[in-house]
Amino acid sequence: MQSNSLKNKVIVVTGGAGAIGHCFIQRIAESGGVAVAADINLHAAQSLAEKIPLGIAGQIEAAHLDITSKDSIHALISDLKQRHGRIDAVVNNAYPRNKRYGRKLEDVTYSDFCKNVNTHLGGYFLVAQQFCLAFKEQGYGNVINMSSIYGSMAPRFEVYDGTSMTMPVEYAAIKSAIEHLTRYFAQYFKGTGIRVNCLSPGGILSNQPADFLSAYNKHCASKGMLDASDLVETLLFLLSDGSRHMTGQILLVDDGFSL
């Protein structure tokens, strides 16, 4: 994506201080945008904003955001509209989960399942709902939801054999619902100038065991498990005017794992 392709666009990334969000924020700013790292960890977001590379085309701002709080979302929207006059896009990228998240199916309690679905899926719903209402008022807007290949395919449990890892049942429920919420919102706001799309990545490298990576990579076409940076060009496309006629779409970036 060419430099300045997002010139002056005000773009919020929830979970902007995380590993994927960090990568998104930097490239949005490098492409000329006003990249707002909105995170429940304000200190981490501020640290990111302070590390602006020299010669960057846009800018990075830090903001506190609790995606499960309507008041928190409203405060962010109000502040950005007051200071910038508009908001062009929001990337639903936060990844909230409790301390017991990631257990095998038989060990997941009802309360933990509900808690993780409520915070993650519920938070994505609330962010999309409130930003879309603000977008409708201003006459345009762009929502990008982060899902996963496991939002549209059955888990390959065999790649986890011999490890303590699994594909969490909460994750499957959450990400599949996010993909359908994307279509729902796109249809609901059709004709308002709002578009809603979804980026669904494959696995992202994060110090996983070698045996797991080997088993995972056998299903891929070339690179195997991806780096967060491998998602950026697709995100920039969805944020840019090059995708202005796209809405309700789910774009998979997984090096062929889901085939």
Protein backbone atom coordinates (compact mmCIF):
# COMPACT_ATOMS: atom_id res chain seq x y z
CA MET A 1 0.00 0.00 0.00
CA GLN A 2 1.44 3.34 -1.11
CA SER A 3 2.63 5.94 1.40
CA ASN A 4 -0.01 8.51 2.41
CA SER A 5 -2.83 6.19 1.24
CA LEU A 6 -4.56 6.95 4.56
CA LYS A 7 -3.59 10.62 4.66
CA ASN A 8 -5.38 12.43 7.50
CA LYS A 9 -7.82 9.56 8.12
CA VAL A 10 -8.65 9.24 11.82
CA ILE A 11 -8.53 5.52 12.60
CA VAL A 12 -9.16 3.89 15.98
CA VAL A 13 -7.58 0.51 16.72
CA THR A 14 -8.98 -1.17 19.83
CA GLY A 15 -6.38 -3.22 21.64
CA GLY A 16 -3.93 -0.91 19.89
CA ALA A 17 -1.11 -1.56 22.35
CA GLY A 18 -1.13 -5.34 21.80
CA ALA A 19 1.13 -7.32 19.50
CA ILE A 20 -1.11 -7.13 16.43
CA GLY A 21 -2.52 -3.72 17.33
CA HIS A 22 0.97 -2.29 17.76
CA CYS A 23 1.83 -3.36 14.21
CA PHE A 24 -1.42 -1.94 12.83
CA ILE A 25 -0.96 1.40 14.59
CA GLN A 26 2.54 1.96 13.27
CA ARG A 27 1.66 1.17 9.66
CA ILE A 28 -1.49 3.30 9.72
CA ALA A 29 0.64 6.23 10.89
CA GLU A 30 3.32 5.45 8.30
CA SER A 31 0.56 5.62 5.66
CA GLY A 32 -0.39 9.13 6.72
CA GLY A 33 -3.24 8.37 9.08
CA VAL A 34 -4.02 9.54 12.59
CA ALA A 35 -3.63 6.19 14.36
CA VAL A 36 -5.44 6.07 17.69
CA ALA A 37 -4.16 3.27 19.93
CA ALA A 38 -7.23 2.71 22.11
CA ASP A 39 -6.44 0.25 24.86
CA ILE A 40 -7.56 -0.63 28.37
CA ASN A 41 -3.87 -0.34 29.28
CA LEU A 42 -3.40 3.38 28.77
CA HIS A 43 0.24 3.30 29.88
CA ALA A 44 1.11 0.77 27.15
CA ALA A 45 -0.75 2.86 24.57
CA GLN A 46 1.11 6.00 25.68
CA SER A 47 4.45 4.19 25.46
CA LEU A 48 3.60 3.21 21.90
CA ALA A 49 2.64 6.77 20.98
CA GLU A 50 5.91 8.08 22.39
CA LYS A 51 7.95 5.80 20.13
CA ILE A 52 6.99 7.47 16.87
CA PRO A 53 9.54 6.66 14.14
CA LEU A 54 11.37 9.59 12.59
CA GLY A 55 9.89 10.86 9.35
CA ILE A 56 6.49 9.24 9.90
CA ALA A 57 3.80 10.59 7.57
CA GLY A 58 0.95 10.55 10.08
CA GLN A 59 0.68 10.52 13.83
CA ILE A 60 -0.01 8.20 16.76
CA GLU A 61 -2.32 9.03 19.64
CA ALA A 62 -3.02 7.08 22.82
CA ALA A 63 -6.44 6.68 24.40
CA HIS A 64 -7.99 4.64 27.19
CA LEU A 65 -10.81 2.34 26.10
CA ASP A 66 -12.81 -0.38 27.81
CA ILE A 67 -14.70 -2.06 24.98
CA THR A 68 -17.31 -3.40 27.43
CA SER A 69 -18.23 0.08 28.68
CA LYS A 70 -20.64 2.24 26.69
CA ASP A 71 -19.49 5.30 28.65
CA SER A 72 -15.85 4.60 27.77
CA ILE A 73 -16.68 4.24 24.08
CA HIS A 74 -18.77 7.41 24.10
CA ALA A 75 -15.98 9.34 25.79
CA LEU A 76 -13.50 8.28 23.10
CA ILE A 77 -15.87 9.11 20.24
CA SER A 78 -16.70 12.50 21.75
CA ASP A 79 -13.05 13.39 22.32
CA LEU A 80 -11.98 12.45 18.80
CA LYS A 81 -14.86 14.28 17.15
CA GLN A 82 -14.12 17.38 19.23
CA ARG A 83 -10.41 17.37 18.39
CA HIS A 84 -10.47 16.08 14.79
CA GLY A 85 -14.01 16.83 13.64
CA ARG A 86 -14.59 13.25 12.48
CA ILE A 87 -13.65 9.58 12.81
CA ASP A 88 -13.03 7.66 9.60
CA ALA A 89 -12.70 4.08 10.83
CA VAL A 90 -12.50 1.73 13.77
CA VAL A 91 -10.66 -1.58 13.86
CA ASN A 92 -12.22 -4.00 16.36
CA ASN A 93 -8.99 -5.71 17.41
CA ALA A 94 -9.02 -6.04 21.22
CA TYR A 95 -8.58 -9.55 22.65
CA PRO A 96 -10.02 -9.61 26.18
CA ARG A 97 -10.08 -12.92 28.09
CA ASN A 98 -10.00 -14.07 31.68
CA LYS A 99 -7.18 -15.95 33.41
CA ARG A 100 -8.78 -19.36 32.83
CA TYR A 101 -9.22 -18.85 29.10
CA GLY A 102 -7.73 -21.51 26.83
CA ARG A 103 -8.59 -24.67 28.74
CA LYS A 104 -9.60 -27.88 27.02
CA LEU A 105 -13.31 -28.33 26.38
CA GLU A 106 -13.99 -30.63 29.33
CA ASP A 107 -12.36 -28.16 31.74
CA VAL A 108 -14.26 -25.04 30.63
CA THR A 109 -16.86 -23.93 33.15
CA TYR A 110 -20.14 -22.33 32.18
CA SER A 111 -19.24 -19.11 33.98
CA ASP A 112 -15.86 -18.86 32.24
CA PHE A 113 -17.42 -19.54 28.86
CA CYS A 114 -20.00 -16.82 29.40
CA LYS A 115 -17.44 -14.36 30.76
CA ASN A 116 -15.15 -14.70 27.74
CA VAL A 117 -17.97 -14.55 25.22
CA ASN A 118 -19.49 -11.52 26.96
CA THR A 119 -16.27 -9.49 27.09
CA HIS A 120 -14.87 -10.38 23.66
CA LEU A 121 -17.95 -10.80 21.46
CA GLY A 122 -20.02 -8.42 23.56
CA GLY A 123 -17.27 -5.81 23.42
CA TYR A 124 -17.00 -6.08 19.64
CA PHE A 125 -20.77 -5.66 19.36
CA LEU A 126 -20.77 -2.60 21.61
CA VAL A 127 -17.89 -0.92 19.78
CA ALA A 128 -19.45 -1.59 16.37
CA GLN A 129 -22.88 -0.46 17.55
CA GLN A 130 -21.73 2.83 19.06
CA PHE A 131 -19.28 3.73 16.32
CA CYS A 132 -21.84 2.93 13.62
CA LEU A 133 -24.36 5.23 15.26
CA ALA A 134 -21.73 7.98 15.25
CA PHE A 135 -20.80 7.15 11.65
CA LYS A 136 -24.45 7.33 10.59
CA GLU A 137 -24.70 10.80 12.07
CA GLN A 138 -21.61 12.01 10.19
CA GLY A 139 -22.70 10.28 6.96
CA TYR A 140 -19.93 7.72 6.52
CA GLY A 141 -17.62 5.34 8.34
CA ASN A 142 -15.68 2.11 8.16
CA VAL A 143 -15.65 -0.81 10.61
CA ILE A 144 -13.15 -3.67 10.40
CA ASN A 145 -13.65 -6.62 12.72
CA MET A 146 -10.83 -9.00 13.53
CA SER A 147 -11.92 -12.64 13.39
CA SER A 148 -9.92 -15.80 12.66
CA ILE A 149 -9.83 -18.73 10.26
CA TYR A 150 -11.43 -20.66 13.13
CA GLY A 151 -14.45 -18.42 12.71
CA SER A 152 -15.26 -20.24 9.48
CA MET A 153 -13.65 -23.69 9.71
CA ALA A 154 -13.60 -26.60 12.14
CA PRO A 155 -10.51 -26.82 14.37
CA ARG A 156 -7.63 -29.04 13.34
CA PHE A 157 -7.11 -30.50 16.79
CA GLU A 158 -4.36 -32.80 15.56
CA VAL A 159 -1.89 -29.90 15.26
CA TYR A 160 -2.08 -29.52 19.05
CA ASP A 161 -1.18 -33.17 19.77
CA GLY A 162 1.73 -33.48 22.20
CA THR A 163 1.35 -29.90 23.48
CA SER A 164 -0.53 -28.28 26.34
CA MET A 165 -2.32 -26.10 23.79
CA THR A 166 -5.80 -26.40 22.32
CA MET A 167 -8.16 -24.36 20.17
CA PRO A 168 -10.46 -22.85 22.83
CA VAL A 169 -14.17 -23.50 22.42
CA GLU A 170 -14.87 -19.91 23.47
CA TYR A 171 -12.66 -18.69 20.63
CA ALA A 172 -14.59 -20.73 18.06
CA ALA A 173 -17.91 -19.39 19.30
CA ILE A 174 -16.68 -15.81 19.47
CA LYS A 175 -14.96 -15.61 16.10
CA SER A 176 -17.74 -17.33 14.16
CA ALA A 177 -20.21 -14.90 15.70
CA ILE A 178 -17.99 -11.93 14.84
CA GLU A 179 -18.07 -12.94 11.17
CA HIS A 180 -21.85 -13.06 11.15
CA LEU A 181 -22.09 -9.80 13.10
CA THR A 182 -20.00 -8.30 10.30
CA ARG A 183 -22.59 -9.34 7.71
CA TYR A 184 -25.46 -8.26 9.96
CA PHE A 185 -24.04 -4.77 10.51
CA ALA A 186 -23.13 -4.39 6.82
CA GLN A 187 -26.71 -5.22 5.84
CA TYR A 188 -28.29 -3.16 8.59
CA PHE A 189 -26.37 0.00 7.67
CA LYS A 190 -26.49 -0.50 3.91
CA GLY A 191 -27.13 2.80 2.15
CA THR A 192 -25.86 4.98 5.03
CA GLY A 193 -22.27 5.39 3.86
CA ILE A 194 -21.07 2.86 6.43
CA ARG A 195 -19.20 -0.28 5.38
CA VAL A 196 -18.32 -3.20 7.63
CA ASN A 197 -15.78 -5.88 6.74
CA CYS A 198 -13.81 -8.57 8.54
CA LEU A 199 -10.16 -9.64 8.49
CA SER A 200 -9.71 -13.30 9.46
CA PRO A 201 -6.07 -14.30 9.93
CA GLY A 202 -4.49 -17.69 10.39
CA GLY A 203 -2.17 -18.39 13.29
CA ILE A 204 0.25 -15.67 14.38
CA LEU A 205 3.74 -16.49 15.67
CA SER A 206 3.98 -16.08 19.43
CA ASN A 207 6.67 -18.41 20.82
CA GLN A 208 4.64 -21.56 20.15
CA PRO A 209 6.33 -24.98 20.59
CA ALA A 210 8.36 -26.26 17.65
CA ASP A 211 6.26 -29.44 17.31
CA PHE A 212 3.10 -27.40 17.06
CA LEU A 213 4.59 -25.07 14.45
CA SER A 214 5.80 -28.02 12.39
CA ALA A 215 2.35 -29.66 12.43
CA TYR A 216 0.62 -26.36 11.66
CA ASN A 217 2.95 -25.39 8.84
CA LYS A 218 2.35 -28.66 6.98
CA HIS A 219 -1.12 -27.34 6.10
CA CYS A 220 0.23 -24.08 4.63
CA ALA A 221 1.40 -23.07 1.18
CA SER A 222 4.77 -21.41 1.79
CA LYS A 223 5.58 -19.41 4.93
CA GLY A 224 3.42 -21.25 7.43
CA MET A 225 2.37 -19.43 10.58
CA LEU A 226 2.36 -15.71 9.97
CA ASP A 227 3.81 -12.64 11.65
CA ALA A 228 1.48 -9.81 12.62
CA SER A 229 3.12 -7.72 9.90
CA ASP A 230 1.77 -10.15 7.28
CA LEU A 231 -1.75 -8.84 7.97
CA VAL A 232 -0.98 -5.18 7.52
CA GLU A 233 -1.35 -4.77 3.76
CA THR A 234 -4.80 -6.36 3.84
CA LEU A 235 -5.81 -4.08 6.71
CA LEU A 236 -4.54 -1.01 4.86
CA PHE A 237 -6.54 -2.06 1.81
CA LEU A 238 -9.73 -2.36 3.88
CA LEU A 239 -9.06 1.05 5.42
CA SER A 240 -8.30 2.73 2.11
CA ASP A 241 -10.55 4.08 -0.63
CA GLY A 242 -9.43 1.11 -2.74
CA SER A 243 -12.03 -1.00 -0.89
CA ARG A 244 -14.74 1.68 -0.84
CA HIS A 245 -17.23 -0.57 -2.65
CA MET A 246 -16.69 -3.56 -0.33
CA THR A 247 -18.95 -4.33 2.61
CA GLY A 248 -19.97 -7.47 4.47
CA GLN A 249 -16.88 -9.36 3.31
CA ILE A 250 -14.66 -11.79 5.21
CA LEU A 251 -11.04 -11.73 4.01
CA LEU A 252 -8.87 -14.69 5.03
CA VAL A 253 -5.09 -14.30 5.32
CA ASP A 254 -3.70 -17.67 6.35
CA ASP A 255 -1.13 -18.92 3.80
CA GLY A 256 -3.62 -21.57 2.72
CA PHE A 257 -4.08 -23.24 6.14
CA SER A 258 -7.87 -23.31 5.78
CA LEU A 259 -7.83 -25.07 2.39
